[in-house]
Amino acid sequence: MPTEAEGRDLKAQVERLARALEENRIAEYVSLQQNAGRLIYLNFLAGVARGLGMAVGFTLVGALVIYALRRMVSIPVIGTFIAQIVDIVTTQLGRQ
């Protein structure tokens, strides 16, 4: 049989554990895991947000790359190389 001091220590530990679980919102997480519809909905929204973020990011990076390439067209070697690439792409698109 536990002594009174051990009982107080055990009660204090249980209270600390309960406080930690409350602070970490474990109950909300468990209820979310049990509600499949809400979990699917939240994961779908997260996926849409990630996809939109990647699309916007790729668009911005692509625009910066194109801008940089256009600025370098004035350099003869790179300008000629880019012109050849554009000719090849145009030829390939014309054949299809």
Protein backbone atom coordinates (compact mmCIF):
# COMPACT_ATOMS: atom_id res chain seq x y z
CA MET A 1 0.00 0.00 0.00
CA PRO A 2 1.43 3.39 -1.01
CA THR A 3 2.31 5.89 1.64
CA GLU A 4 0.74 9.32 1.83
CA ALA A 5 3.87 10.94 0.35
CA GLU A 6 3.90 8.51 -2.55
CA GLY A 7 0.20 9.21 -3.13
CA ARG A 8 0.86 12.97 -3.29
CA ASP A 9 3.77 12.42 -5.71
CA LEU A 10 1.62 10.19 -7.90
CA LYS A 11 -1.21 12.74 -7.87
CA ALA A 12 1.24 15.53 -8.80
CA GLN A 13 2.62 13.46 -11.68
CA VAL A 14 -0.88 12.69 -12.97
CA GLU A 15 -1.77 16.39 -12.81
CA ARG A 16 1.42 17.30 -14.73
CA LEU A 17 0.61 14.68 -17.35
CA ALA A 18 -2.98 15.93 -17.65
CA ARG A 19 -1.72 19.52 -18.03
CA ALA A 20 0.80 18.46 -20.70
CA LEU A 21 -1.88 16.59 -22.65
CA GLU A 22 -4.17 19.58 -22.41
CA GLU A 23 -1.45 21.98 -23.60
CA ASN A 24 -0.63 19.73 -26.58
CA ARG A 25 -4.32 19.44 -27.48
CA ILE A 26 -4.15 15.67 -27.68
CA ALA A 27 -7.94 15.36 -27.27
CA GLU A 28 -8.54 17.50 -30.37
CA TYR A 29 -6.03 15.44 -32.34
CA VAL A 30 -7.68 12.17 -31.32
CA SER A 31 -11.14 13.48 -32.20
CA LEU A 32 -9.83 14.62 -35.59
CA GLN A 33 -8.38 11.16 -36.24
CA GLN A 34 -11.76 9.62 -35.45
CA ASN A 35 -13.66 11.95 -37.81
CA ALA A 36 -12.62 10.66 -41.25
CA GLY A 37 -14.65 13.21 -43.24
CA ARG A 38 -13.07 16.21 -41.53
CA LEU A 39 -9.60 14.66 -41.82
CA ILE A 40 -10.04 14.14 -45.57
CA TYR A 41 -11.38 17.67 -45.98
CA LEU A 42 -8.45 19.24 -44.09
CA ASN A 43 -5.90 17.17 -45.99
CA PHE A 44 -7.55 18.14 -49.28
CA LEU A 45 -7.34 21.84 -48.38
CA ALA A 46 -3.69 21.43 -47.37
CA GLY A 47 -2.94 19.73 -50.69
CA VAL A 48 -4.66 22.49 -52.67
CA ALA A 49 -2.70 25.13 -50.76
CA ARG A 50 0.60 23.32 -51.41
CA GLY A 51 -0.22 22.92 -55.11
CA LEU A 52 -1.19 26.56 -55.45
CA GLY A 53 1.98 27.63 -53.66
CA MET A 54 4.13 25.51 -55.97
CA ALA A 55 2.37 26.86 -59.05
CA VAL A 56 2.84 30.47 -57.97
CA GLY A 57 6.45 29.82 -56.96
CA PHE A 58 7.28 28.10 -60.25
CA THR A 59 5.65 30.93 -62.17
CA LEU A 60 7.72 33.55 -60.36
CA VAL A 61 10.98 31.62 -60.73
CA GLY A 62 10.21 30.91 -64.40
CA ALA A 63 9.49 34.59 -65.02
CA LEU A 64 12.79 35.56 -63.39
CA VAL A 65 14.68 33.01 -65.51
CA ILE A 66 13.03 34.26 -68.71
CA TYR A 67 13.76 37.85 -67.71
CA ALA A 68 17.40 36.99 -67.07
CA LEU A 69 17.67 35.15 -70.39
CA ARG A 70 16.18 38.09 -72.25
CA ARG A 71 18.72 40.40 -70.66
CA MET A 72 21.50 38.06 -71.79
CA VAL A 73 20.31 37.98 -75.41
CA SER A 74 22.45 41.02 -76.03
CA ILE A 75 25.53 38.85 -75.41
CA PRO A 76 26.35 37.40 -78.87
CA VAL A 77 27.26 33.82 -77.88
CA ILE A 78 24.32 33.29 -75.55
CA GLY A 79 21.96 35.17 -77.87
CA THR A 80 22.88 32.92 -80.78
CA PHE A 81 22.47 29.82 -78.62
CA ILE A 82 19.02 30.93 -77.45
CA ALA A 83 18.02 31.78 -81.01
CA GLN A 84 18.99 28.26 -82.11
CA ILE A 85 16.90 26.77 -79.32
CA VAL A 86 13.92 28.92 -80.33
CA ASP A 87 14.35 27.82 -83.98
CA ILE A 88 14.46 24.15 -82.97
CA VAL A 89 11.36 24.47 -80.82
CA THR A 90 9.49 26.38 -83.53
CA THR A 91 10.43 23.75 -86.13
CA GLN A 92 9.28 20.90 -83.85
CA LEU A 93 5.98 22.65 -83.10
CA GLY A 94 5.38 23.24 -86.81
CA ARG A 95 5.76 19.53 -87.62
CA GLN A 96 3.14 18.40 -85.13
